[in-house]
Protein backbone atom coordinates (compact mmCIF):
# COMPACT_ATOMS: atom_id res chain seq x y z
CA UNK A 1 -0.04 -0.37 -0.17
CA UNK A 2 1.00 3.33 -0.79
CA UNK A 3 -1.52 5.85 -0.04
CA UNK A 4 -3.69 6.58 3.17
CA UNK A 5 -6.99 6.05 1.58
CA UNK A 6 -5.70 2.46 0.96
CA UNK A 7 -5.54 2.02 4.80
CA UNK A 8 -9.24 3.20 5.10
CA UNK A 9 -10.90 0.63 2.31
CA UNK A 10 -14.37 -0.18 3.57
CA UNK A 11 -14.52 -3.31 2.57
CA UNK A 12 -11.34 -4.77 4.01
CA UNK A 13 -12.25 -3.29 7.14
CA UNK A 14 -15.59 -5.32 7.07
CA UNK A 15 -13.81 -8.27 6.35
CA UNK A 16 -11.42 -7.80 9.33
CA UNK A 17 -14.33 -6.86 11.54
CA UNK A 18 -15.93 -10.32 10.20
CA UNK A 19 -12.69 -12.26 11.25
CA UNK A 20 -12.83 -10.69 14.72
CA UNK A 21 -16.27 -11.41 15.49
CA UNK A 22 -15.90 -15.02 14.05
CA UNK A 23 -12.48 -15.74 16.15
CA UNK A 24 -13.57 -14.04 19.18
CA UNK A 25 -15.04 -16.48 21.83
CA UNK A 26 -18.26 -15.27 22.74
CA UNK A 27 -17.57 -16.81 25.99
CA UNK A 28 -15.13 -14.72 27.35
CA UNK A 29 -13.95 -10.92 27.35
CA UNK A 30 -11.31 -9.47 25.51
CA UNK A 31 -10.18 -6.12 26.95
CA UNK A 32 -7.40 -4.43 25.01
CA UNK A 33 -5.95 -1.01 26.04
CA UNK A 34 -4.53 1.33 23.44
CA UNK A 35 -1.67 3.27 24.46
CA UNK A 36 -1.71 6.05 22.32
CA UNK A 37 -3.58 9.35 21.87
CA UNK A 38 -3.68 8.88 18.11
CA UNK A 39 -5.41 5.37 18.54
CA UNK A 40 -7.99 6.97 20.67
CA UNK A 41 -8.95 9.36 18.19
CA UNK A 42 -8.82 6.65 15.34
CA UNK A 43 -10.98 4.43 17.24
CA UNK A 44 -13.65 7.41 17.90
CA UNK A 45 -13.32 8.83 14.34
CA UNK A 46 -13.80 5.82 12.49
CA UNK A 47 -16.40 4.30 14.66
CA UNK A 48 -14.44 1.22 15.07
CA UNK A 49 -15.83 0.11 18.39
CA UNK A 50 -19.18 -0.04 16.42
CA UNK A 51 -17.52 -2.86 14.31
CA UNK A 52 -16.22 -4.99 17.13
CA UNK A 53 -18.35 -7.55 19.01
CA UNK A 54 -19.77 -6.39 22.40
CA UNK A 55 -17.18 -8.81 24.28
CA UNK A 56 -14.05 -7.07 22.78
CA UNK A 57 -13.56 -3.85 24.56
CA UNK A 58 -11.33 -1.04 24.01
CA UNK A 59 -9.78 0.65 26.89
CA UNK A 60 -8.35 4.20 26.76
CA UNK A 61 -5.13 4.40 28.46
CA UNK A 62 -2.62 7.27 29.62
CA UNK A 63 -1.44 7.94 26.08
CA UNK A 64 -2.00 11.89 25.82
CA UNK A 65 1.04 13.21 27.11
CA UNK A 66 -0.52 16.71 27.66
CA UNK A 67 -3.27 14.78 29.71
CA UNK A 68 -0.95 12.88 32.11
CA UNK A 69 1.09 16.04 33.17
CA UNK A 70 -0.24 16.63 36.83
CA UNK A 71 -1.52 20.13 37.76
CA UNK A 72 1.33 20.62 40.24
CA UNK A 73 3.86 20.75 36.96
CA UNK A 74 1.67 23.26 35.37
CA UNK A 75 1.58 25.36 38.45
CA UNK A 76 5.47 25.45 38.00
CA UNK A 77 5.26 26.62 34.77
CA UNK A 78 2.88 29.50 35.71
CA UNK A 79 5.15 30.64 38.53
CA UNK A 80 8.14 30.40 35.98
CA UNK A 81 6.00 32.73 33.47
CA UNK A 82 5.01 34.98 36.39
CA UNK A 83 8.71 35.90 36.45
CA UNK A 84 9.38 39.26 34.81
CA UNK A 85 12.69 37.94 33.26
CA UNK A 86 11.45 34.89 31.65
CA UNK A 87 9.89 34.15 28.53
CA UNK A 88 8.43 30.80 28.63
CA UNK A 89 7.86 28.76 25.34
CA UNK A 90 5.48 26.41 25.02
CA UNK A 91 3.60 24.19 22.48
CA UNK A 92 -0.05 25.61 22.10
CA UNK A 93 -2.15 22.46 23.64
CA UNK A 94 -0.62 23.33 26.78
CA UNK A 95 -2.20 26.76 27.01
CA UNK A 96 -5.52 25.96 28.66
CA UNK A 97 -4.40 22.66 30.77
CA UNK A 98 -5.93 23.42 33.93
CA UNK A 99 -3.41 23.88 37.21
CA UNK A 100 -4.51 24.26 40.84
CA UNK A 101 -7.75 26.30 41.53
CA UNK A 102 -8.55 26.96 37.85
CA UNK A 103 -5.24 28.24 36.99
CA UNK A 104 -3.72 27.85 33.54
CA UNK A 105 -0.99 29.37 31.40
CA UNK A 106 -3.52 31.18 29.15
CA UNK A 107 -4.69 33.13 32.27
CA UNK A 108 -1.06 33.73 33.10
CA UNK A 109 -0.36 34.94 29.84
CA UNK A 110 -3.61 37.52 30.13
CA UNK A 111 -1.79 38.74 33.54
CA UNK A 112 1.00 39.66 31.81
CA UNK A 113 3.36 36.78 31.63
CA UNK A 114 5.48 36.33 28.59
CA UNK A 115 4.36 33.09 27.18
CA UNK A 116 4.95 32.43 23.38
CA UNK A 117 3.51 29.52 21.34
CA UNK A 118 6.28 27.68 19.24
CA UNK A 119 6.09 24.96 16.80
CA UNK A 120 9.20 23.41 17.19
CA UNK A 121 12.18 23.39 19.55
CA UNK A 122 14.22 25.50 17.13
CA UNK A 123 11.70 28.45 17.45
CA UNK A 124 12.70 28.55 20.91
CA UNK A 125 16.13 28.92 19.99
CA UNK A 126 15.54 31.75 17.58
CA UNK A 127 13.53 33.45 20.56
CA UNK A 128 16.75 33.03 22.92
CA UNK A 129 18.74 34.49 20.02
CA UNK A 130 16.85 37.33 19.72
CA UNK A 131 16.34 38.35 23.14
CA UNK A 132 19.70 37.79 24.82
CA UNK A 133 18.95 40.09 27.81
CA UNK A 134 16.11 37.88 29.02
CA UNK A 135 15.57 34.21 30.14
CA UNK A 136 14.21 31.80 27.64
CA UNK A 137 12.84 28.70 28.99
CA UNK A 138 11.08 25.78 26.74
CA UNK A 139 8.54 23.87 28.21
CA UNK A 140 9.57 20.29 27.13
CA UNK A 141 6.93 17.77 27.05
CA UNK A 142 6.07 14.41 25.59
CA UNK A 143 6.71 10.81 25.19
CA UNK A 144 9.53 9.44 23.59
CA UNK A 145 8.52 10.90 20.34
CA UNK A 146 9.25 14.33 21.01
CA UNK A 147 12.32 13.67 23.26
CA UNK A 148 14.73 13.53 20.71
CA UNK A 149 14.06 17.09 19.38
CA UNK A 150 14.70 18.51 22.89
CA UNK A 151 18.02 16.82 23.27
CA UNK A 152 18.89 18.07 19.87
CA UNK A 153 18.09 21.82 21.14
CA UNK A 154 20.04 21.41 24.18
CA UNK A 155 23.14 20.45 22.04
CA UNK A 156 22.49 23.57 19.69
CA UNK A 157 22.26 25.90 22.75
CA UNK A 158 25.45 24.56 23.73
CA UNK A 159 26.96 24.94 20.25
CA UNK A 160 25.67 28.39 20.09
CA UNK A 161 26.88 29.01 23.63
CA UNK A 162 23.30 30.67 24.80
CA UNK A 163 23.65 31.56 28.41
CA UNK A 164 19.86 32.38 28.46
CA UNK A 165 18.38 29.61 27.28
CA UNK A 166 16.95 26.57 29.61
CA UNK A 167 14.59 23.75 29.52
CA UNK A 168 11.96 22.78 31.80
CA UNK A 169 11.91 19.07 31.21
CA UNK A 170 8.50 17.00 31.59
CA UNK A 171 9.41 14.02 29.37
CA UNK A 172 7.80 10.72 30.48
CA UNK A 173 8.62 7.18 29.21
CA UNK A 174 5.81 4.62 28.19
CA UNK A 175 6.90 1.53 29.12
CA UNK A 176 7.11 2.37 32.90
CA UNK A 177 3.55 3.65 32.82
CA UNK A 178 2.54 0.13 31.21
CA UNK A 179 4.35 -1.64 34.12
CA UNK A 180 2.49 0.55 36.52
CA UNK A 181 -0.81 -0.08 35.25
CA UNK A 182 0.11 -3.86 35.25
CA UNK A 183 1.25 -3.89 38.69
CA UNK A 184 -1.65 -1.95 40.38
CA UNK A 185 -4.70 -3.45 38.71
CA UNK A 186 -6.89 -2.54 41.86
CA UNK A 187 -8.25 0.90 42.02
CA UNK A 188 -9.75 1.41 45.65
CA UNK A 189 -13.28 1.94 46.06
CA UNK A 190 -13.77 1.43 42.08
CA UNK A 191 -12.67 -2.06 41.13
CA UNK A 192 -9.99 -3.75 39.08
CA UNK A 193 -8.45 -2.90 35.84
CA UNK A 194 -8.63 -6.22 33.53
CA UNK A 195 -6.16 -6.10 30.67
CA UNK A 196 -5.83 -8.80 28.38
CA UNK A 197 -3.33 -7.06 25.91
CA UNK A 198 -2.09 -3.62 24.52
CA UNK A 199 -2.49 -1.91 21.44
CA UNK A 200 1.41 -0.27 21.38
CA UNK A 201 1.80 3.28 20.31
CA UNK A 202 2.99 3.96 17.07
CA UNK A 203 5.21 7.08 17.02
CA UNK A 204 6.92 6.11 20.24
CA UNK A 205 7.83 2.85 18.93
CA UNK A 206 9.26 4.44 15.96
CA UNK A 207 11.77 5.78 17.99
CA UNK A 208 12.01 3.00 20.64
CA UNK A 209 11.46 0.00 18.61
CA UNK A 210 9.40 -2.96 19.91
CA UNK A 211 12.04 -4.53 22.32
CA UNK A 212 11.30 -2.20 25.38
CA UNK A 213 7.56 -3.85 25.55
CA UNK A 214 8.90 -7.25 25.93
CA UNK A 215 8.63 -7.32 29.54
CA UNK A 216 4.76 -7.10 29.22
CA UNK A 217 4.92 -10.51 27.55
CA UNK A 218 7.75 -12.13 29.32
CA UNK A 219 6.97 -10.87 33.09
CA UNK A 220 3.23 -10.21 33.06
CA UNK A 221 2.04 -12.47 30.09
CA UNK A 222 0.28 -9.75 28.52
CA UNK A 223 0.60 -9.58 24.46
CA UNK A 224 1.52 -6.15 22.81
CA UNK A 225 0.85 -5.32 19.16
CA UNK A 226 2.06 -2.31 17.93
CA UNK A 227 -0.14 -0.72 15.45
CA UNK A 228 -0.37 2.22 12.99
CA UNK A 229 -3.00 4.72 13.12
CA UNK A 230 -5.52 3.99 10.27
CA UNK A 231 -8.62 1.75 10.70
CA UNK A 232 -7.21 -0.91 8.80
CA UNK A 233 -4.22 -0.86 10.99
CA UNK A 234 -6.03 -0.77 14.09
CA UNK A 235 -8.56 -3.43 13.08
CA UNK A 236 -5.80 -5.68 12.13
CA UNK A 237 -3.86 -5.32 15.51
CA UNK A 238 -7.01 -5.87 17.38
CA UNK A 239 -7.55 -9.28 15.19
CA UNK A 240 -3.70 -10.12 16.16
CA UNK A 241 -4.38 -9.47 20.01
CA UNK A 242 -7.81 -11.96 19.65
CA UNK A 243 -5.65 -14.57 18.13
CA UNK A 244 -2.84 -14.52 20.62
CA UNK A 245 -5.18 -14.64 23.45
CA UNK A 246 -7.07 -17.65 21.94
CA UNK A 247 -3.85 -19.07 21.41
CA UNK A 248 -2.69 -18.44 25.13
CA UNK A 249 0.49 -16.70 23.35
CA UNK A 250 1.76 -13.54 24.74
CA UNK A 251 4.48 -11.89 22.46
CA UNK A 252 5.32 -8.67 21.02
CA UNK A 253 3.98 -8.29 17.46
CA UNK A 254 4.73 -5.39 15.15
CA UNK A 255 1.66 -4.57 12.52
CA UNK A 256 3.34 -1.19 11.71
CA UNK A 257 6.24 -2.88 10.24
CA UNK A 258 6.30 -0.11 7.68
CA UNK A 259 7.60 2.18 10.19
CA UNK A 260 8.82 0.29 13.51
CA UNK A 261 11.66 -2.26 13.85
CA UNK A 262 12.62 -3.97 16.78
CA UNK A 263 15.68 -1.75 17.53
CA UNK A 264 14.04 1.67 16.66
CA UNK A 265 15.81 4.70 15.48
CA UNK A 266 19.45 4.00 16.97
CA UNK A 267 20.51 7.61 16.09
CA UNK A 268 17.37 9.28 18.18
CA UNK A 269 18.19 7.12 21.01
CA UNK A 270 22.04 7.62 21.30
CA UNK A 271 21.06 11.45 21.30
CA UNK A 272 18.65 11.26 23.90
CA UNK A 273 20.80 8.83 26.33
CA UNK A 274 23.67 11.43 25.77
CA UNK A 275 21.99 14.27 27.12
CA UNK A 276 18.86 13.09 29.20
CA UNK A 277 18.56 10.51 32.03
CA UNK A 278 15.78 8.97 34.21
CA UNK A 279 14.52 10.70 37.14
CA UNK A 280 14.05 8.31 40.23
CA UNK A 281 10.26 9.00 39.88
CA UNK A 282 7.70 11.09 38.19
CA UNK A 283 4.08 12.15 38.82
CA UNK A 284 1.54 11.12 36.05
CA UNK A 285 -2.01 12.24 36.50
CA UNK A 286 -4.08 9.22 37.11
CA UNK A 287 -0.93 7.06 37.99
CA UNK A 288 0.69 8.76 40.84
CA UNK A 289 4.51 8.42 41.41
CA UNK A 290 5.78 6.14 38.71
CA UNK A 291 9.54 5.20 39.28
CA UNK A 292 11.77 5.90 36.33
CA UNK A 293 9.09 7.19 34.12
CA UNK A 294 10.37 10.67 33.51
CA UNK A 295 13.63 12.24 32.38
CA UNK A 296 15.60 14.92 33.14
CA UNK A 297 18.89 16.61 32.06
CA UNK A 298 22.15 15.00 32.96
CA UNK A 299 24.73 16.69 35.40
CA UNK A 300 26.80 17.74 32.51
CA UNK A 301 24.15 19.86 31.25
CA UNK A 302 22.48 21.11 34.17
CA UNK A 303 23.24 24.82 33.13
CA UNK A 304 20.32 24.23 30.81
CA UNK A 305 18.02 22.82 33.39
CA UNK A 306 15.35 25.62 34.32
CA UNK A 307 14.64 23.63 37.71
CA UNK A 308 18.01 24.23 38.71
CA UNK A 309 18.47 27.43 37.54
CA UNK A 310 15.50 29.01 38.81
CA UNK A 311 15.38 26.77 42.14
CA UNK A 312 12.20 25.36 41.35
CA UNK A 313 10.47 23.36 43.90
CA UNK A 314 8.55 20.27 42.80
CA UNK A 315 4.83 21.21 43.51
CA UNK A 316 2.12 18.34 44.07
CA UNK A 317 -1.54 19.51 44.25
CA UNK A 318 -4.85 17.65 44.11
CA UNK A 319 -6.83 17.85 40.93
CA UNK A 320 -10.43 19.06 40.69
CA UNK A 321 -12.43 16.52 42.62
CA UNK A 322 -15.48 16.76 40.35
CA UNK A 323 -13.14 15.78 37.24
CA UNK A 324 -12.64 12.00 36.36
CA UNK A 325 -9.72 12.81 34.10
CA UNK A 326 -7.24 10.71 36.15
CA UNK A 327 -9.53 7.68 36.42
CA UNK A 328 -10.26 8.24 32.65
CA UNK A 329 -6.55 7.90 32.02
CA UNK A 330 -6.01 4.92 34.37
CA UNK A 331 -8.69 3.14 32.27
CA UNK A 332 -10.93 2.80 35.17
CA UNK A 333 -13.65 5.22 33.59
CA UNK A 334 -14.93 6.39 30.34
CA UNK A 335 -15.60 10.03 29.27
CA UNK A 336 -19.32 9.92 29.77
CA UNK A 337 -18.58 8.29 33.37
CA UNK A 338 -17.57 11.99 34.13
CA UNK A 339 -20.71 14.19 35.38
CA UNK A 340 -18.76 17.20 34.13
CA UNK A 341 -18.57 15.74 30.53
CA UNK A 342 -20.73 17.50 28.04
CA UNK A 343 -22.09 19.90 30.65
CA UNK A 344 -19.62 22.43 32.32
CA UNK A 345 -16.70 20.60 30.52
CA UNK A 346 -16.40 21.31 26.71
CA UNK A 347 -13.63 22.00 24.31
CA UNK A 348 -14.54 25.72 25.00
CA UNK A 349 -14.50 25.36 28.54
CA UNK A 350 -12.38 22.70 29.62
CA UNK A 351 -12.24 21.57 33.18
CA UNK A 352 -9.80 18.72 32.80
CA UNK A 353 -6.54 18.06 30.70
CA UNK A 354 -8.38 15.01 28.82
CA UNK A 355 -10.72 17.69 27.01
CA UNK A 356 -8.05 20.34 26.43
CA UNK A 357 -5.85 18.07 24.57
CA UNK A 358 -6.52 17.02 20.79
CA UNK A 359 -5.28 13.63 22.07
CA UNK A 360 -7.40 13.23 25.17
CA UNK A 361 -9.89 10.59 25.39
CA UNK A 362 -12.67 13.24 26.42
CA UNK A 363 -11.95 15.35 23.18
CA UNK A 364 -12.16 12.32 21.10
CA UNK A 365 -15.41 11.40 22.70
CA UNK A 366 -16.89 15.00 22.56
CA UNK A 367 -15.83 15.48 18.67
CA UNK A 368 -16.84 11.87 17.48
CA UNK A 369 -18.27 9.41 20.07
CA UNK A 370 -21.03 11.33 21.68
CA UNK A 371 -23.19 11.55 18.34
CA UNK A 372 -23.30 7.58 18.58
CA UNK A 373 -24.10 8.05 22.10
CA UNK A 374 -27.18 10.04 21.39
CA UNK A 375 -28.14 7.58 18.38
CA UNK A 376 -27.91 4.62 20.82
CA UNK A 377 -30.14 6.46 23.09
CA UNK A 378 -32.84 6.81 20.74
CA UNK A 379 -32.57 3.38 19.51
CA UNK A 380 -33.40 2.34 22.65
């Protein structure tokens, strides 16, 4: 296949759906967690859940890097932006992510904070070069996909001898989060999150490869299938998971072989490992403190670390108690289980990060899934 339309062929999709229905044992459940916001949107956008038998259930995981960032880290960025000497460079979807007590970077900008949206890390370097009298901080965020550009920009800042450029590092790692979910399936007062397999992330896997997921199969007996983003990718990956469960296999399989290898992007991984290293622990919204799941700058590059330069203290604050974003990221609840969804919480007035980010489960369900809910209610 060469073109995107070929991965959206209706007849092939129906054929895959038929195969899933025929091979899925009606006497048992199949519970698969997708670990990528792009997959969550593909499922909602193309109505893939409607094509699956009722006993094959997709569970939304913490696959949105903006969503999993805890409110305390947003508060830390807001305090940084309030400093008169600082220009804070961020990606646009961070602007409206709620901090504590309804605070956000958008509101901080309205109060006079110099917060500038950028499209790449290099944009932040240009701003630093143009404002040598100011401190320019890049708010680095994302899974392994966006980590290499952060490593590259730190090396570039070193090469240019920029003394006014630092990075507020909030990069997180996928495999430790998967391990956390498998090790802690019981949620107090809510129940148990049962997972029979994972749809592995696409862009992340292009960078790190398939090897880092092998612990899921070897230690926890859960199959992982790396999948592309198109509807045929997703349907084929689900069929591959169904077959593994039926055959009592637990392996890492690569559906997205046109882009992903076992080793991943060796150059990108080398660049990251030269400049960044794991933190002892990092807080995730919905998961709490997860060991070795976040990255920080190595001591050699400490002069580019905003947390060190500005003496930033780690903040841990409670989420809005009415918002179920944490439980949605954990796979315990769905967007419609939150009483704020579609009432006070909408894309124009988000109460939680899952509605803010374009990769969030609530945003996906608002854009696509709520119409299906309406049709189902009318049918019943």
